Amino acid sequence: MKARILLTMAALSVFLCGEAAAQKKRQPEEGTFTQWRGLIDNIDIRKTFSINDYSTIYILPIDASEIPLPDKEDNTYGPTVATLENAAALSAGYMRKPFKKSEITISATDGTETPQEKKALIVEMKLNELDAGNRALRIWVGFGAGNAGATLSGNIIDAETGDILVSFKHRRIAPLNPSSHEKVLKTLLREVNEDVAKMLLQFQ
């Protein structure tokens, strides 16, 4: 009896894993979703597309105008400013990793001209949050105290038509991370951008 139960549980596990894999392989549908495919917190798919129809992804300068800077005397000020100044270039670099097996080119632009070429996507993003948190509280208190966080929202745009294909908003936190402020901020930026890249790769 015990062996039969174990076999049943194993078969159920295989079935559920197969279902999850099938969901990820299935072409995305238009609509608004939360916790989409375990990748993105909030997504609005306005128009489906195939990432394979595009050869270039352009990353526009990231809007960080609403990010409140720490006091200049605060030890998080320097790392925050440095990360924000390099956010677009860093984002392009971070997004390339999930695309390493793809022939799609990912480039950061200076924003002086909006690309309008065929077979190109534009990623327009805004940092809603970039908070280094409190390292001492993360190490000595835990339980969510001093957590660092980054929230990124944006649009995926067809460069030729100007149509917004997808809008999204996503957040990452760094609980119990004892690293330096600069490393924590870059880790958060890397994670949210990699999640956006993985989101794009779902559109096959």
N, C-alpha and C. Protein backbone atom coordinates (compact mmCIF):
# COMPACT_ATOMS: atom_id res chain seq x y z
N MET A 1 0.83 -1.21 0.00
CA MET A 1 0.00 0.00 0.00
C MET A 1 0.86 1.26 0.00
N LYS A 2 1.90 1.24 0.86
CA LYS A 2 2.79 2.39 0.95
C LYS A 2 3.49 2.64 -0.37
N ALA A 3 3.93 1.54 -1.02
CA ALA A 3 4.62 1.67 -2.30
C ALA A 3 3.67 2.25 -3.35
N ARG A 4 2.40 1.85 -3.31
CA ARG A 4 1.42 2.34 -4.27
C ARG A 4 1.19 3.84 -4.08
N ILE A 5 1.13 4.26 -2.83
CA ILE A 5 0.93 5.69 -2.54
C ILE A 5 2.11 6.51 -3.05
N LEU A 6 3.32 5.98 -2.81
CA LEU A 6 4.51 6.69 -3.27
C LEU A 6 4.55 6.80 -4.79
N LEU A 7 4.15 5.71 -5.47
CA LEU A 7 4.11 5.73 -6.93
C LEU A 7 3.09 6.73 -7.44
N THR A 8 1.94 6.78 -6.76
CA THR A 8 0.88 7.73 -7.15
C THR A 8 1.36 9.16 -6.99
N MET A 9 2.05 9.42 -5.85
CA MET A 9 2.56 10.77 -5.60
C MET A 9 3.63 11.15 -6.63
N ALA A 10 4.47 10.19 -6.98
CA ALA A 10 5.50 10.46 -7.97
C ALA A 10 4.88 10.77 -9.33
N ALA A 11 3.86 10.02 -9.70
CA ALA A 11 3.20 10.25 -10.98
C ALA A 11 2.52 11.61 -11.00
N LEU A 12 1.91 11.99 -9.87
CA LEU A 12 1.26 13.29 -9.77
C LEU A 12 2.26 14.42 -9.89
N SER A 13 3.41 14.22 -9.27
CA SER A 13 4.48 15.23 -9.34
C SER A 13 4.95 15.43 -10.77
N VAL A 14 5.15 14.33 -11.48
CA VAL A 14 5.58 14.40 -12.88
C VAL A 14 4.52 15.11 -13.72
N PHE A 15 3.24 14.81 -13.44
CA PHE A 15 2.14 15.44 -14.19
C PHE A 15 2.12 16.95 -13.96
N LEU A 16 2.24 17.36 -12.69
CA LEU A 16 2.21 18.78 -12.36
C LEU A 16 3.39 19.52 -12.97
N CYS A 17 4.57 18.90 -12.94
CA CYS A 17 5.75 19.52 -13.55
C CYS A 17 5.55 19.68 -15.06
N GLY A 18 4.93 18.64 -15.65
CA GLY A 18 4.66 18.71 -17.08
C GLY A 18 3.69 19.81 -17.42
N GLU A 19 2.68 19.98 -16.56
CA GLU A 19 1.70 21.03 -16.77
C GLU A 19 2.34 22.40 -16.67
N ALA A 20 3.22 22.58 -15.67
CA ALA A 20 3.91 23.86 -15.50
C ALA A 20 4.77 24.18 -16.71
N ALA A 21 5.47 23.16 -17.22
CA ALA A 21 6.31 23.36 -18.40
C ALA A 21 5.46 23.71 -19.62
N ALA A 22 4.31 23.05 -19.73
CA ALA A 22 3.42 23.33 -20.86
C ALA A 22 2.90 24.75 -20.81
N GLN A 23 2.59 25.22 -19.59
CA GLN A 23 2.12 26.59 -19.43
C GLN A 23 3.17 27.58 -19.91
N LYS A 24 4.43 27.33 -19.57
CA LYS A 24 5.49 28.24 -19.95
C LYS A 24 5.75 28.21 -21.45
N LYS A 25 5.51 27.07 -22.10
CA LYS A 25 5.75 26.96 -23.52
C LYS A 25 4.58 27.50 -24.32
N ARG A 26 3.41 27.57 -23.70
CA ARG A 26 2.22 28.02 -24.40
C ARG A 26 2.34 29.49 -24.76
N GLN A 27 1.90 29.86 -25.97
CA GLN A 27 1.96 31.25 -26.41
C GLN A 27 1.14 32.13 -25.48
N PRO A 28 1.71 33.22 -24.98
CA PRO A 28 0.98 34.12 -24.09
C PRO A 28 -0.30 34.66 -24.74
N GLU A 29 -1.28 34.93 -23.91
CA GLU A 29 -2.55 35.47 -24.38
C GLU A 29 -2.67 36.93 -23.95
N GLU A 30 -3.45 37.69 -24.68
CA GLU A 30 -3.69 39.08 -24.32
C GLU A 30 -4.50 39.16 -23.04
N GLY A 31 -4.20 40.17 -22.23
CA GLY A 31 -4.92 40.33 -20.96
C GLY A 31 -4.01 40.89 -19.89
N THR A 32 -4.60 41.11 -18.73
CA THR A 32 -3.86 41.64 -17.58
C THR A 32 -3.72 40.54 -16.55
N PHE A 33 -2.48 40.33 -16.07
CA PHE A 33 -2.21 39.22 -15.17
C PHE A 33 -1.30 39.65 -14.02
N THR A 34 -1.42 38.95 -12.90
CA THR A 34 -0.51 39.13 -11.77
C THR A 34 0.26 37.84 -11.55
N GLN A 35 1.50 37.97 -11.06
CA GLN A 35 2.37 36.81 -10.85
C GLN A 35 2.41 35.95 -12.11
N TRP A 36 2.66 36.61 -13.23
CA TRP A 36 2.58 35.97 -14.53
C TRP A 36 3.72 34.98 -14.73
N ARG A 37 3.36 33.70 -14.86
CA ARG A 37 4.29 32.61 -15.12
C ARG A 37 5.47 32.58 -14.14
N GLY A 38 5.25 33.08 -12.94
CA GLY A 38 6.29 33.07 -11.93
C GLY A 38 7.45 33.99 -12.24
N LEU A 39 7.25 34.93 -13.19
CA LEU A 39 8.34 35.80 -13.62
C LEU A 39 8.10 37.27 -13.31
N ILE A 40 6.88 37.75 -13.56
CA ILE A 40 6.58 39.18 -13.48
C ILE A 40 5.39 39.41 -12.57
N ASP A 41 5.52 40.41 -11.69
CA ASP A 41 4.44 40.68 -10.72
C ASP A 41 3.15 41.10 -11.42
N ASN A 42 3.25 42.07 -12.32
CA ASN A 42 2.06 42.58 -13.02
C ASN A 42 2.39 42.79 -14.50
N ILE A 43 1.50 42.32 -15.37
CA ILE A 43 1.74 42.45 -16.80
C ILE A 43 0.42 42.69 -17.52
N ASP A 44 0.47 43.57 -18.52
CA ASP A 44 -0.68 43.84 -19.37
C ASP A 44 -0.23 43.55 -20.81
N ILE A 45 -0.68 42.42 -21.34
CA ILE A 45 -0.33 42.03 -22.71
C ILE A 45 -1.38 42.62 -23.64
N ARG A 46 -1.02 43.66 -24.34
CA ARG A 46 -1.96 44.36 -25.21
C ARG A 46 -2.03 43.74 -26.60
N LYS A 47 -0.89 43.20 -27.04
CA LYS A 47 -0.84 42.60 -28.37
C LYS A 47 0.23 41.51 -28.36
N THR A 48 -0.16 40.31 -28.72
CA THR A 48 0.82 39.22 -28.73
C THR A 48 1.78 39.38 -29.90
N PHE A 49 2.95 38.80 -29.75
CA PHE A 49 3.98 38.90 -30.78
C PHE A 49 4.93 37.73 -30.61
N SER A 50 5.83 37.56 -31.56
CA SER A 50 6.87 36.55 -31.45
C SER A 50 8.21 37.25 -31.37
N ILE A 51 8.97 36.97 -30.33
CA ILE A 51 10.29 37.58 -30.16
C ILE A 51 11.21 37.20 -31.32
N ASN A 52 10.92 36.08 -31.95
CA ASN A 52 11.75 35.61 -33.06
C ASN A 52 11.61 36.47 -34.32
N ASP A 53 10.60 37.34 -34.35
CA ASP A 53 10.41 38.23 -35.49
C ASP A 53 11.28 39.49 -35.38
N TYR A 54 12.03 39.61 -34.28
CA TYR A 54 12.83 40.81 -34.05
C TYR A 54 14.31 40.47 -33.99
N SER A 55 15.12 41.41 -34.44
CA SER A 55 16.56 41.18 -34.44
C SER A 55 17.31 42.08 -33.46
N THR A 56 16.64 43.15 -32.98
CA THR A 56 17.29 44.10 -32.10
C THR A 56 16.35 44.54 -30.99
N ILE A 57 16.89 44.70 -29.79
CA ILE A 57 16.14 45.26 -28.67
C ILE A 57 16.92 46.48 -28.17
N TYR A 58 16.27 47.63 -28.19
CA TYR A 58 16.90 48.86 -27.73
C TYR A 58 16.41 49.21 -26.32
N ILE A 59 17.35 49.52 -25.43
CA ILE A 59 17.03 49.93 -24.07
C ILE A 59 17.15 51.45 -24.00
N LEU A 60 16.04 52.14 -23.80
CA LEU A 60 16.07 53.59 -23.66
C LEU A 60 16.63 53.97 -22.29
N PRO A 61 17.12 55.20 -22.14
CA PRO A 61 17.57 55.66 -20.82
C PRO A 61 16.46 55.47 -19.78
N ILE A 62 16.81 54.94 -18.64
CA ILE A 62 15.81 54.64 -17.62
C ILE A 62 15.42 55.91 -16.87
N ASP A 63 14.12 56.12 -16.74
CA ASP A 63 13.59 57.27 -16.01
C ASP A 63 13.69 56.98 -14.51
N ALA A 64 14.52 57.75 -13.83
CA ALA A 64 14.67 57.58 -12.38
C ALA A 64 14.34 58.88 -11.65
N SER A 65 13.52 59.71 -12.31
CA SER A 65 13.24 61.05 -11.79
C SER A 65 12.48 61.05 -10.47
N GLU A 66 11.78 59.97 -10.19
CA GLU A 66 10.98 59.92 -8.96
C GLU A 66 11.68 59.20 -7.81
N ILE A 67 12.93 58.78 -8.04
CA ILE A 67 13.67 58.09 -6.98
C ILE A 67 14.21 59.13 -6.00
N PRO A 68 13.79 59.09 -4.74
CA PRO A 68 14.34 60.03 -3.76
C PRO A 68 15.76 59.62 -3.37
N LEU A 69 16.69 60.54 -3.47
CA LEU A 69 18.07 60.22 -3.11
C LEU A 69 18.25 60.31 -1.60
N PRO A 70 19.10 59.45 -1.03
CA PRO A 70 19.42 59.54 0.40
C PRO A 70 20.15 60.86 0.68
N ASP A 71 20.22 61.24 1.93
CA ASP A 71 21.01 62.40 2.32
C ASP A 71 22.46 62.18 1.90
N LYS A 72 23.13 63.27 1.53
CA LYS A 72 24.51 63.15 1.07
C LYS A 72 25.44 62.59 2.14
N GLU A 73 25.05 62.75 3.42
CA GLU A 73 25.86 62.22 4.51
C GLU A 73 25.63 60.73 4.72
N ASP A 74 24.57 60.21 4.14
CA ASP A 74 24.23 58.79 4.32
C ASP A 74 25.18 57.94 3.48
N ASN A 75 25.58 56.79 4.04
CA ASN A 75 26.54 55.93 3.32
C ASN A 75 25.92 55.21 2.12
N THR A 76 24.62 55.37 1.91
CA THR A 76 23.98 54.78 0.72
C THR A 76 23.91 55.79 -0.44
N TYR A 77 24.25 57.05 -0.17
CA TYR A 77 24.11 58.08 -1.20
C TYR A 77 24.99 57.80 -2.41
N GLY A 78 26.27 57.61 -2.21
CA GLY A 78 27.20 57.36 -3.31
C GLY A 78 26.83 56.16 -4.15
N PRO A 79 26.62 54.99 -3.53
CA PRO A 79 26.24 53.81 -4.31
C PRO A 79 24.93 53.99 -5.08
N THR A 80 23.96 54.70 -4.48
CA THR A 80 22.68 54.92 -5.16
C THR A 80 22.87 55.79 -6.39
N VAL A 81 23.59 56.90 -6.25
CA VAL A 81 23.83 57.80 -7.37
C VAL A 81 24.60 57.09 -8.49
N ALA A 82 25.62 56.34 -8.12
CA ALA A 82 26.44 55.64 -9.12
C ALA A 82 25.61 54.61 -9.88
N THR A 83 24.75 53.89 -9.18
CA THR A 83 23.92 52.87 -9.84
C THR A 83 22.91 53.52 -10.76
N LEU A 84 22.31 54.63 -10.33
CA LEU A 84 21.34 55.32 -11.16
C LEU A 84 21.99 55.89 -12.43
N GLU A 85 23.19 56.43 -12.31
CA GLU A 85 23.87 57.02 -13.46
C GLU A 85 24.17 55.99 -14.53
N ASN A 86 24.37 54.75 -14.12
CA ASN A 86 24.74 53.68 -15.06
C ASN A 86 23.60 52.69 -15.29
N ALA A 87 22.39 53.06 -14.87
CA ALA A 87 21.28 52.11 -14.89
C ALA A 87 20.98 51.58 -16.29
N ALA A 88 20.96 52.45 -17.31
CA ALA A 88 20.62 51.99 -18.66
C ALA A 88 21.66 51.02 -19.21
N ALA A 89 22.94 51.38 -19.07
CA ALA A 89 24.00 50.50 -19.56
C ALA A 89 24.02 49.19 -18.79
N LEU A 90 23.84 49.28 -17.48
CA LEU A 90 23.80 48.07 -16.66
C LEU A 90 22.63 47.18 -17.07
N SER A 91 21.47 47.80 -17.29
CA SER A 91 20.28 47.04 -17.66
C SER A 91 20.48 46.29 -18.96
N ALA A 92 21.08 46.96 -19.95
CA ALA A 92 21.33 46.30 -21.24
C ALA A 92 22.24 45.10 -21.04
N GLY A 93 23.27 45.28 -20.22
CA GLY A 93 24.19 44.17 -19.95
C GLY A 93 23.52 43.02 -19.23
N TYR A 94 22.69 43.35 -18.26
CA TYR A 94 22.01 42.30 -17.50
C TYR A 94 20.99 41.55 -18.36
N MET A 95 20.34 42.25 -19.29
CA MET A 95 19.34 41.60 -20.12
C MET A 95 19.96 40.67 -21.16
N ARG A 96 21.24 40.90 -21.45
CA ARG A 96 21.89 40.06 -22.47
C ARG A 96 22.06 38.61 -22.02
N LYS A 97 22.23 38.39 -20.71
CA LYS A 97 22.52 37.04 -20.23
C LYS A 97 21.44 36.04 -20.61
N PRO A 98 20.15 36.31 -20.33
CA PRO A 98 19.13 35.33 -20.75
C PRO A 98 19.04 35.17 -22.26
N PHE A 99 19.56 36.17 -23.02
CA PHE A 99 19.52 36.10 -24.48
C PHE A 99 20.80 35.56 -25.08
N LYS A 100 21.67 34.99 -24.26
CA LYS A 100 22.99 34.59 -24.75
C LYS A 100 22.92 33.52 -25.84
N LYS A 101 21.84 32.74 -25.89
CA LYS A 101 21.70 31.73 -26.93
C LYS A 101 20.89 32.25 -28.11
N SER A 102 20.53 33.52 -28.05
CA SER A 102 19.73 34.13 -29.12
C SER A 102 20.61 35.00 -30.01
N GLU A 103 20.16 35.21 -31.24
CA GLU A 103 20.88 36.07 -32.17
C GLU A 103 20.41 37.53 -32.07
N ILE A 104 19.51 37.80 -31.15
CA ILE A 104 18.98 39.16 -30.99
C ILE A 104 20.03 40.05 -30.33
N THR A 105 20.23 41.23 -30.88
CA THR A 105 21.17 42.20 -30.34
C THR A 105 20.47 43.12 -29.35
N ILE A 106 21.08 43.33 -28.18
CA ILE A 106 20.53 44.22 -27.17
C ILE A 106 21.47 45.40 -26.99
N SER A 107 20.94 46.61 -27.17
CA SER A 107 21.78 47.81 -27.12
C SER A 107 21.13 48.89 -26.26
N ALA A 108 21.96 49.62 -25.52
CA ALA A 108 21.49 50.79 -24.78
C ALA A 108 21.60 52.01 -25.69
N THR A 109 20.58 52.87 -25.71
CA THR A 109 20.61 54.07 -26.52
C THR A 109 20.67 55.30 -25.62
N ASP A 110 21.09 56.44 -26.20
CA ASP A 110 21.17 57.67 -25.40
C ASP A 110 19.85 58.43 -25.36
N GLY A 111 18.87 57.96 -26.12
CA GLY A 111 17.54 58.56 -26.06
C GLY A 111 17.37 59.80 -26.93
N THR A 112 18.41 60.22 -27.66
CA THR A 112 18.29 61.41 -28.51
C THR A 112 17.36 61.16 -29.69
N GLU A 113 17.36 59.93 -30.18
CA GLU A 113 16.46 59.55 -31.26
C GLU A 113 15.81 58.21 -30.92
N THR A 114 14.51 58.13 -31.16
CA THR A 114 13.80 56.89 -30.91
C THR A 114 13.91 56.00 -32.14
N PRO A 115 14.45 54.81 -32.01
CA PRO A 115 14.57 53.91 -33.18
C PRO A 115 13.21 53.64 -33.80
N GLN A 116 13.16 53.61 -35.13
CA GLN A 116 11.91 53.34 -35.84
C GLN A 116 12.10 52.25 -36.90
N GLU A 117 13.14 51.49 -36.75
CA GLU A 117 13.44 50.49 -37.77
C GLU A 117 12.56 49.25 -37.64
N LYS A 118 12.55 48.46 -38.71
CA LYS A 118 11.80 47.22 -38.69
C LYS A 118 12.54 46.18 -37.84
N LYS A 119 11.78 45.20 -37.37
CA LYS A 119 12.32 44.08 -36.61
C LYS A 119 13.09 44.55 -35.37
N ALA A 120 12.59 45.60 -34.72
CA ALA A 120 13.24 46.09 -33.50
C ALA A 120 12.19 46.34 -32.42
N LEU A 121 12.57 46.04 -31.20
CA LEU A 121 11.74 46.34 -30.03
C LEU A 121 12.41 47.43 -29.22
N ILE A 122 11.60 48.25 -28.58
CA ILE A 122 12.11 49.28 -27.68
C ILE A 122 11.64 48.93 -26.27
N VAL A 123 12.57 48.95 -25.33
CA VAL A 123 12.23 48.73 -23.93
C VAL A 123 12.34 50.08 -23.22
N GLU A 124 11.19 50.58 -22.80
CA GLU A 124 11.10 51.87 -22.13
C GLU A 124 10.80 51.59 -20.66
N MET A 125 11.72 51.96 -19.76
CA MET A 125 11.57 51.57 -18.36
C MET A 125 11.68 52.75 -17.40
N LYS A 126 11.09 52.56 -16.25
CA LYS A 126 11.13 53.56 -15.19
C LYS A 126 11.43 52.86 -13.87
N LEU A 127 12.38 53.42 -13.13
CA LEU A 127 12.66 52.90 -11.79
C LEU A 127 11.71 53.59 -10.82
N ASN A 128 10.81 52.82 -10.25
CA ASN A 128 9.89 53.36 -9.25
C ASN A 128 10.48 53.30 -7.85
N GLU A 129 11.47 52.44 -7.69
CA GLU A 129 12.11 52.26 -6.37
C GLU A 129 13.53 51.75 -6.57
N LEU A 130 14.47 52.33 -5.84
CA LEU A 130 15.82 51.79 -5.76
C LEU A 130 16.32 52.16 -4.37
N ASP A 131 16.18 51.22 -3.46
CA ASP A 131 16.43 51.49 -2.04
C ASP A 131 17.46 50.50 -1.52
N ALA A 132 18.60 51.04 -1.06
CA ALA A 132 19.66 50.17 -0.54
C ALA A 132 19.32 49.58 0.81
N GLY A 133 18.28 50.07 1.45
CA GLY A 133 17.88 49.53 2.75
C GLY A 133 18.90 49.81 3.83
N ASN A 134 18.87 48.98 4.86
CA ASN A 134 19.79 49.14 5.99
C ASN A 134 20.53 47.82 6.21
N ARG A 135 21.81 47.84 5.89
CA ARG A 135 22.61 46.61 5.94
C ARG A 135 22.68 46.03 7.35
N ALA A 136 22.85 46.90 8.36
CA ALA A 136 22.96 46.43 9.74
C ALA A 136 21.68 45.73 10.19
N LEU A 137 20.53 46.30 9.83
CA LEU A 137 19.27 45.67 10.22
C LEU A 137 19.08 44.33 9.52
N ARG A 138 19.50 44.24 8.25
CA ARG A 138 19.37 42.97 7.54
C ARG A 138 20.19 41.88 8.21
N ILE A 139 21.40 42.27 8.68
CA ILE A 139 22.30 41.27 9.25
C ILE A 139 21.89 40.88 10.66
N TRP A 140 21.58 41.88 11.49
CA TRP A 140 21.39 41.61 12.91
C TRP A 140 19.94 41.41 13.35
N VAL A 141 19.00 41.92 12.57
CA VAL A 141 17.60 41.79 12.96
C VAL A 141 16.86 40.78 12.08
N GLY A 142 16.97 40.97 10.77
CA GLY A 142 16.29 40.06 9.85
C GLY A 142 14.78 40.24 9.87
N PHE A 143 14.05 39.23 9.48
CA PHE A 143 12.58 39.24 9.46
C PHE A 143 12.04 40.42 8.65
N GLY A 144 12.75 40.77 7.57
CA GLY A 144 12.28 41.85 6.71
C GLY A 144 12.81 43.22 7.06
N ALA A 145 13.47 43.34 8.21
CA ALA A 145 14.00 44.64 8.60
C ALA A 145 15.16 45.04 7.69
N GLY A 146 15.16 46.28 7.25
CA GLY A 146 16.26 46.81 6.45
C GLY A 146 16.35 46.27 5.04
N ASN A 147 15.28 45.62 4.57
CA ASN A 147 15.33 45.06 3.22
C ASN A 147 15.61 46.12 2.16
N ALA A 148 16.45 45.78 1.21
CA ALA A 148 16.66 46.62 0.04
C ALA A 148 15.64 46.20 -1.02
N GLY A 149 15.28 47.14 -1.91
CA GLY A 149 14.29 46.80 -2.92
C GLY A 149 14.44 47.62 -4.18
N ALA A 150 14.02 47.05 -5.29
CA ALA A 150 14.01 47.75 -6.57
C ALA A 150 12.71 47.40 -7.30
N THR A 151 12.04 48.43 -7.80
CA THR A 151 10.81 48.23 -8.57
C THR A 151 10.98 48.87 -9.94
N LEU A 152 10.68 48.09 -10.96
CA LEU A 152 10.88 48.53 -12.34
C LEU A 152 9.56 48.39 -13.09
N SER A 153 9.16 49.43 -13.79
CA SER A 153 7.97 49.35 -14.64
C SER A 153 8.33 49.79 -16.04
N GLY A 154 7.51 49.44 -17.01
CA GLY A 154 7.88 49.85 -18.36
C GLY A 154 6.97 49.31 -19.44
N ASN A 155 7.37 49.61 -20.67
CA ASN A 155 6.62 49.20 -21.85
C ASN A 155 7.55 48.53 -22.85
N ILE A 156 7.03 47.53 -23.54
CA ILE A 156 7.71 46.91 -24.67
C ILE A 156 7.02 47.43 -25.92
N ILE A 157 7.77 48.11 -26.79
CA ILE A 157 7.19 48.83 -27.92
C ILE A 157 7.75 48.31 -29.24
N ASP A 158 6.89 48.16 -30.22
CA ASP A 158 7.34 47.83 -31.57
C ASP A 158 7.91 49.11 -32.18
N ALA A 159 9.18 49.09 -32.55
CA ALA A 159 9.86 50.30 -33.01
C ALA A 159 9.26 50.85 -34.30
N GLU A 160 8.85 49.98 -35.19
CA GLU A 160 8.33 50.43 -36.49
C GLU A 160 6.96 51.10 -36.36
N THR A 161 6.07 50.50 -35.60
CA THR A 161 4.69 51.01 -35.50
C THR A 161 4.47 51.94 -34.32
N GLY A 162 5.33 51.83 -33.31
CA GLY A 162 5.13 52.63 -32.10
C GLY A 162 4.10 52.03 -31.16
N ASP A 163 3.57 50.86 -31.50
CA ASP A 163 2.55 50.22 -30.66
C ASP A 163 3.16 49.67 -29.38
N ILE A 164 2.47 49.90 -28.26
CA ILE A 164 2.87 49.28 -27.00
C ILE A 164 2.33 47.85 -27.00
N LEU A 165 3.22 46.90 -26.97
CA LEU A 165 2.83 45.49 -26.99
C LEU A 165 2.54 44.97 -25.58
N VAL A 166 3.41 45.36 -24.65
CA VAL A 166 3.32 44.86 -23.27
C VAL A 166 3.68 45.98 -22.30
N SER A 167 2.93 46.06 -21.20
CA SER A 167 3.30 46.93 -20.08
C SER A 167 3.51 46.03 -18.87
N PHE A 168 4.43 46.43 -17.99
CA PHE A 168 4.73 45.57 -16.84
C PHE A 168 5.18 46.40 -15.64
N LYS A 169 5.13 45.76 -14.49
CA LYS A 169 5.70 46.32 -13.26
C LYS A 169 6.17 45.15 -12.40
N HIS A 170 7.40 45.27 -11.90
CA HIS A 170 8.01 44.12 -11.21
C HIS A 170 8.91 44.61 -10.09
N ARG A 171 8.92 43.88 -8.99
CA ARG A 171 9.74 44.26 -7.82
C ARG A 171 10.59 43.09 -7.35
N ARG A 172 11.78 43.42 -6.90
CA ARG A 172 12.67 42.45 -6.27
C ARG A 172 13.15 43.03 -4.95
N ILE A 173 13.36 42.16 -3.96
CA ILE A 173 13.93 42.59 -2.69
C ILE A 173 15.18 41.78 -2.39
N ALA A 174 15.98 42.28 -1.45
CA ALA A 174 17.22 41.59 -1.08
C ALA A 174 17.21 41.31 0.41
N PRO A 175 16.45 40.31 0.85
CA PRO A 175 16.41 39.98 2.28
C PRO A 175 17.69 39.27 2.72
N LEU A 176 18.13 39.58 3.89
CA LEU A 176 19.28 38.90 4.51
C LEU A 176 20.54 38.96 3.66
N ASN A 177 20.67 40.02 2.86
CA ASN A 177 21.86 40.16 2.02
C ASN A 177 22.88 41.03 2.74
N PRO A 178 24.02 40.46 3.16
CA PRO A 178 25.01 41.21 3.92
C PRO A 178 26.01 41.99 3.05
N SER A 179 25.82 41.97 1.74
CA SER A 179 26.78 42.61 0.83
C SER A 179 26.79 44.12 1.00
N SER A 180 27.76 44.76 0.36
CA SER A 180 27.85 46.22 0.38
C SER A 180 26.63 46.82 -0.31
N HIS A 181 26.38 48.11 -0.04
CA HIS A 181 25.23 48.78 -0.65
C HIS A 181 25.32 48.75 -2.18
N GLU A 182 26.50 49.01 -2.71
CA GLU A 182 26.66 49.03 -4.16
C GLU A 182 26.35 47.66 -4.76
N LYS A 183 26.84 46.60 -4.14
CA LYS A 183 26.60 45.26 -4.66
C LYS A 183 25.14 44.88 -4.56
N VAL A 184 24.49 45.26 -3.46
CA VAL A 184 23.07 44.94 -3.29
C VAL A 184 22.24 45.64 -4.37
N LEU A 185 22.52 46.92 -4.62
CA LEU A 185 21.77 47.66 -5.63
C LEU A 185 21.97 47.08 -7.02
N LYS A 186 23.20 46.72 -7.35
CA LYS A 186 23.46 46.14 -8.66
C LYS A 186 22.82 44.75 -8.79
N THR A 187 22.81 44.01 -7.68
CA THR A 187 22.16 42.70 -7.70
C THR A 187 20.67 42.84 -7.96
N LEU A 188 20.04 43.81 -7.30
CA LEU A 188 18.61 44.05 -7.50
C LEU A 188 18.32 44.47 -8.94
N LEU A 189 19.15 45.37 -9.47
CA LEU A 189 18.95 45.83 -10.84
C LEU A 189 19.14 44.67 -11.82
N ARG A 190 20.13 43.82 -11.53
CA ARG A 190 20.35 42.66 -12.40
C ARG A 190 19.15 41.73 -12.37
N GLU A 191 18.62 41.46 -11.19
CA GLU A 191 17.52 40.51 -11.06
C GLU A 191 16.25 40.99 -11.75
N VAL A 192 15.90 42.27 -11.58
CA VAL A 192 14.67 42.75 -12.21
C VAL A 192 14.82 42.76 -13.73
N ASN A 193 16.01 43.11 -14.23
CA ASN A 193 16.22 43.14 -15.67
C ASN A 193 16.27 41.74 -16.27
N GLU A 194 16.87 40.80 -15.57
CA GLU A 194 16.88 39.43 -16.06
C GLU A 194 15.46 38.87 -16.11
N ASP A 195 14.64 39.25 -15.15
CA ASP A 195 13.24 38.80 -15.16
C ASP A 195 12.49 39.38 -16.37
N VAL A 196 12.77 40.64 -16.70
CA VAL A 196 12.15 41.24 -17.88
C VAL A 196 12.60 40.53 -19.15
N ALA A 197 13.89 40.20 -19.23
CA ALA A 197 14.40 39.47 -20.39
C ALA A 197 13.74 38.09 -20.50
N LYS A 198 13.63 37.41 -19.38
CA LYS A 198 12.99 36.09 -19.38
C LYS A 198 11.51 36.21 -19.79
N MET A 199 10.88 37.32 -19.38
CA MET A 199 9.50 37.57 -19.79
C MET A 199 9.41 37.66 -21.32
N LEU A 200 10.33 38.42 -21.92
CA LEU A 200 10.33 38.57 -23.37
C LEU A 200 10.52 37.23 -24.08
N LEU A 201 11.35 36.38 -23.51
CA LEU A 201 11.61 35.08 -24.12
C LEU A 201 10.42 34.13 -24.05
N GLN A 202 9.41 34.48 -23.27
CA GLN A 202 8.18 33.67 -23.24
C GLN A 202 7.36 33.86 -24.52
N PHE A 203 7.64 34.96 -25.24
CA PHE A 203 6.86 35.26 -26.46
C PHE A 203 7.55 34.62 -27.67
N GLN A 204 7.39 33.33 -27.80
CA GLN A 204 8.04 32.59 -28.89
C GLN A 204 7.10 32.42 -30.08
